[in-house]
Amino acid sequence: MPKTQWLDLAERTGATAAEAGLAYAIVQLSDQPAWWVPVLIPALAAGKSWFARFVGRPDTSSLLPTRADPASRP
């Protein structure tokens, strides 16, 4: 697998794990029921996608720079 695909895989996996961990921490710290975790994960993913517009390639939700984003290749 090319290096850019490994970077893409690592970025997506890391982002998903971070979203899940953050959702769990928010629920635990705010003493909310556990069913809030799966509700917060997509909301955090949407926030990450919105933030990625300003960091990575504008047409994707990737945080990778254009040269490392597989979607940026022609």
N, C-alpha and C. Protein backbone atom coordinates (compact mmCIF):
# COMPACT_ATOMS: atom_id res chain seq x y z
N MET A 1 0.85 -1.16 0.00
CA MET A 1 0.00 0.00 0.00
C MET A 1 0.91 1.24 0.00
N PRO A 2 0.61 2.23 -0.85
CA PRO A 2 1.42 3.45 -0.89
C PRO A 2 1.38 4.21 0.44
N LYS A 3 2.41 5.00 0.64
CA LYS A 3 2.55 5.75 1.89
C LYS A 3 1.35 6.68 2.14
N THR A 4 0.83 7.30 1.08
CA THR A 4 -0.30 8.22 1.27
C THR A 4 -1.55 7.49 1.77
N GLN A 5 -1.73 6.26 1.33
CA GLN A 5 -2.88 5.49 1.81
C GLN A 5 -2.72 5.11 3.28
N TRP A 6 -1.49 4.82 3.70
CA TRP A 6 -1.25 4.54 5.12
C TRP A 6 -1.53 5.78 5.96
N LEU A 7 -1.10 6.94 5.45
CA LEU A 7 -1.37 8.20 6.16
C LEU A 7 -2.86 8.45 6.26
N ASP A 8 -3.58 8.20 5.17
CA ASP A 8 -5.02 8.40 5.16
C ASP A 8 -5.70 7.45 6.15
N LEU A 9 -5.28 6.19 6.15
CA LEU A 9 -5.83 5.21 7.08
C LEU A 9 -5.56 5.61 8.53
N ALA A 10 -4.34 6.05 8.80
CA ALA A 10 -3.99 6.47 10.16
C ALA A 10 -4.79 7.71 10.58
N GLU A 11 -4.97 8.65 9.66
CA GLU A 11 -5.73 9.86 9.98
C GLU A 11 -7.19 9.53 10.28
N ARG A 12 -7.80 8.69 9.47
CA ARG A 12 -9.21 8.33 9.68
C ARG A 12 -9.41 7.52 10.97
N THR A 13 -8.51 6.56 11.19
CA THR A 13 -8.60 5.73 12.38
C THR A 13 -8.36 6.56 13.63
N GLY A 14 -7.35 7.40 13.59
CA GLY A 14 -7.06 8.26 14.73
C GLY A 14 -8.19 9.24 15.02
N ALA A 15 -8.77 9.81 13.98
CA ALA A 15 -9.87 10.75 14.18
C ALA A 15 -11.09 10.04 14.79
N THR A 16 -11.39 8.85 14.30
CA THR A 16 -12.53 8.11 14.84
C THR A 16 -12.30 7.74 16.31
N ALA A 17 -11.10 7.29 16.63
CA ALA A 17 -10.78 6.94 18.02
C ALA A 17 -10.83 8.18 18.91
N ALA A 18 -10.33 9.30 18.41
CA ALA A 18 -10.36 10.54 19.20
C ALA A 18 -11.80 11.01 19.43
N GLU A 19 -12.64 10.90 18.41
CA GLU A 19 -14.05 11.29 18.55
C GLU A 19 -14.75 10.41 19.58
N ALA A 20 -14.50 9.11 19.51
CA ALA A 20 -15.13 8.19 20.47
C ALA A 20 -14.64 8.47 21.89
N GLY A 21 -13.34 8.65 22.04
CA GLY A 21 -12.79 8.94 23.37
C GLY A 21 -13.28 10.25 23.93
N LEU A 22 -13.36 11.27 23.10
CA LEU A 22 -13.86 12.56 23.54
C LEU A 22 -15.33 12.48 23.92
N ALA A 23 -16.11 11.76 23.13
CA ALA A 23 -17.53 11.60 23.46
C ALA A 23 -17.70 10.89 24.80
N TYR A 24 -16.91 9.85 25.02
CA TYR A 24 -16.98 9.12 26.29
C TYR A 24 -16.60 10.03 27.45
N ALA A 25 -15.52 10.81 27.27
CA ALA A 25 -15.08 11.71 28.34
C ALA A 25 -16.13 12.77 28.65
N ILE A 26 -16.74 13.33 27.61
CA ILE A 26 -17.78 14.34 27.82
C ILE A 26 -18.94 13.76 28.62
N VAL A 27 -19.37 12.56 28.23
CA VAL A 27 -20.50 11.92 28.92
C VAL A 27 -20.14 11.61 30.37
N GLN A 28 -18.95 11.09 30.60
CA GLN A 28 -18.54 10.76 31.96
C GLN A 28 -18.41 12.00 32.84
N LEU A 29 -17.80 13.04 32.30
CA LEU A 29 -17.59 14.25 33.09
C LEU A 29 -18.88 15.04 33.36
N SER A 30 -19.85 14.87 32.49
CA SER A 30 -21.11 15.59 32.68
C SER A 30 -22.20 14.73 33.33
N ASP A 31 -21.84 13.52 33.76
CA ASP A 31 -22.78 12.60 34.43
C ASP A 31 -24.06 12.36 33.63
N GLN A 32 -23.89 12.21 32.33
CA GLN A 32 -25.03 11.91 31.46
C GLN A 32 -25.14 10.40 31.27
N PRO A 33 -26.30 9.91 30.85
CA PRO A 33 -26.43 8.47 30.59
C PRO A 33 -25.52 8.03 29.43
N ALA A 34 -25.12 6.77 29.45
CA ALA A 34 -24.17 6.25 28.46
C ALA A 34 -24.71 6.31 27.04
N TRP A 35 -26.03 6.35 26.85
CA TRP A 35 -26.56 6.38 25.49
C TRP A 35 -26.22 7.67 24.76
N TRP A 36 -25.69 8.66 25.46
CA TRP A 36 -25.26 9.90 24.81
C TRP A 36 -23.98 9.72 24.01
N VAL A 37 -23.18 8.71 24.33
CA VAL A 37 -21.91 8.51 23.61
C VAL A 37 -22.15 8.32 22.11
N PRO A 38 -23.01 7.38 21.67
CA PRO A 38 -23.20 7.24 20.22
C PRO A 38 -23.92 8.43 19.58
N VAL A 39 -24.55 9.25 20.37
CA VAL A 39 -25.17 10.46 19.84
C VAL A 39 -24.11 11.53 19.59
N LEU A 40 -23.13 11.62 20.47
CA LEU A 40 -22.10 12.64 20.36
C LEU A 40 -21.05 12.33 19.28
N ILE A 41 -20.78 11.07 19.02
CA ILE A 41 -19.72 10.72 18.07
C ILE A 41 -19.99 11.32 16.68
N PRO A 42 -21.17 11.17 16.09
CA PRO A 42 -21.39 11.81 14.78
C PRO A 42 -21.33 13.34 14.84
N ALA A 43 -21.77 13.91 15.95
CA ALA A 43 -21.69 15.37 16.10
C ALA A 43 -20.23 15.82 16.12
N LEU A 44 -19.38 15.08 16.81
CA LEU A 44 -17.96 15.41 16.83
C LEU A 44 -17.32 15.19 15.47
N ALA A 45 -17.76 14.16 14.75
CA ALA A 45 -17.24 13.90 13.39
C ALA A 45 -17.63 15.05 12.46
N ALA A 46 -18.85 15.55 12.59
CA ALA A 46 -19.27 16.69 11.77
C ALA A 46 -18.45 17.93 12.10
N GLY A 47 -18.16 18.13 13.38
CA GLY A 47 -17.31 19.25 13.78
C GLY A 47 -15.90 19.12 13.22
N LYS A 48 -15.37 17.91 13.23
CA LYS A 48 -14.04 17.67 12.65
C LYS A 48 -14.05 17.96 11.16
N SER A 49 -15.10 17.54 10.47
CA SER A 49 -15.20 17.80 9.03
C SER A 49 -15.28 19.30 8.74
N TRP A 50 -16.02 20.01 9.55
CA TRP A 50 -16.12 21.46 9.37
C TRP A 50 -14.75 22.11 9.59
N PHE A 51 -14.06 21.70 10.65
CA PHE A 51 -12.74 22.23 10.95
C PHE A 51 -11.73 21.90 9.84
N ALA A 52 -11.87 20.71 9.24
CA ALA A 52 -10.93 20.26 8.22
C ALA A 52 -10.98 21.13 6.97
N ARG A 53 -12.07 21.83 6.75
CA ARG A 53 -12.15 22.74 5.59
C ARG A 53 -11.04 23.77 5.62
N PHE A 54 -10.63 24.15 6.82
CA PHE A 54 -9.64 25.21 6.97
C PHE A 54 -8.21 24.67 7.05
N VAL A 55 -8.05 23.36 7.22
CA VAL A 55 -6.73 22.78 7.42
C VAL A 55 -6.29 21.96 6.21
N GLY A 56 -7.10 21.01 5.78
CA GLY A 56 -6.74 20.11 4.69
C GLY A 56 -7.29 20.61 3.36
N ARG A 57 -7.53 19.68 2.47
CA ARG A 57 -8.10 20.01 1.17
C ARG A 57 -9.56 20.39 1.37
N PRO A 58 -10.00 21.52 0.82
CA PRO A 58 -11.37 22.01 1.07
C PRO A 58 -12.48 21.06 0.62
N ASP A 59 -12.26 20.25 -0.42
CA ASP A 59 -13.32 19.38 -0.92
C ASP A 59 -13.44 18.06 -0.18
N THR A 60 -12.60 17.82 0.81
CA THR A 60 -12.67 16.58 1.58
C THR A 60 -12.75 16.92 3.06
N SER A 61 -12.99 15.92 3.87
CA SER A 61 -12.99 16.15 5.31
C SER A 61 -11.69 15.68 5.94
N SER A 62 -10.66 15.57 5.11
CA SER A 62 -9.36 15.10 5.59
C SER A 62 -8.57 16.23 6.22
N LEU A 63 -7.87 15.91 7.30
CA LEU A 63 -6.97 16.87 7.93
C LEU A 63 -5.57 16.81 7.33
N LEU A 64 -5.35 15.83 6.44
CA LEU A 64 -4.04 15.69 5.80
C LEU A 64 -3.79 16.85 4.84
N PRO A 65 -2.54 17.25 4.70
CA PRO A 65 -2.23 18.26 3.69
C PRO A 65 -2.48 17.70 2.29
N THR A 66 -2.65 18.56 1.33
CA THR A 66 -3.01 18.14 -0.04
C THR A 66 -2.05 17.10 -0.59
N ARG A 67 -0.75 17.25 -0.37
CA ARG A 67 0.22 16.31 -0.94
C ARG A 67 0.11 14.91 -0.35
N ALA A 68 -0.46 14.77 0.85
CA ALA A 68 -0.57 13.46 1.50
C ALA A 68 -1.97 12.88 1.41
N ASP A 69 -2.91 13.63 0.87
CA ASP A 69 -4.31 13.19 0.80
C ASP A 69 -4.53 12.39 -0.49
N PRO A 70 -4.90 11.11 -0.41
CA PRO A 70 -5.12 10.31 -1.63
C PRO A 70 -6.22 10.89 -2.51
N ALA A 71 -7.18 11.59 -1.95
CA ALA A 71 -8.26 12.17 -2.75
C ALA A 71 -7.78 13.36 -3.58
N SER A 72 -6.60 13.88 -3.29
CA SER A 72 -6.08 15.04 -4.00
C SER A 72 -5.36 14.68 -5.29
N ARG A 73 -5.11 13.42 -5.48
CA ARG A 73 -4.40 13.00 -6.70
C ARG A 73 -5.34 13.03 -7.88
N PRO A 74 -4.81 13.41 -9.07
CA PRO A 74 -5.66 13.47 -10.28
C PRO A 74 -6.12 12.11 -10.74
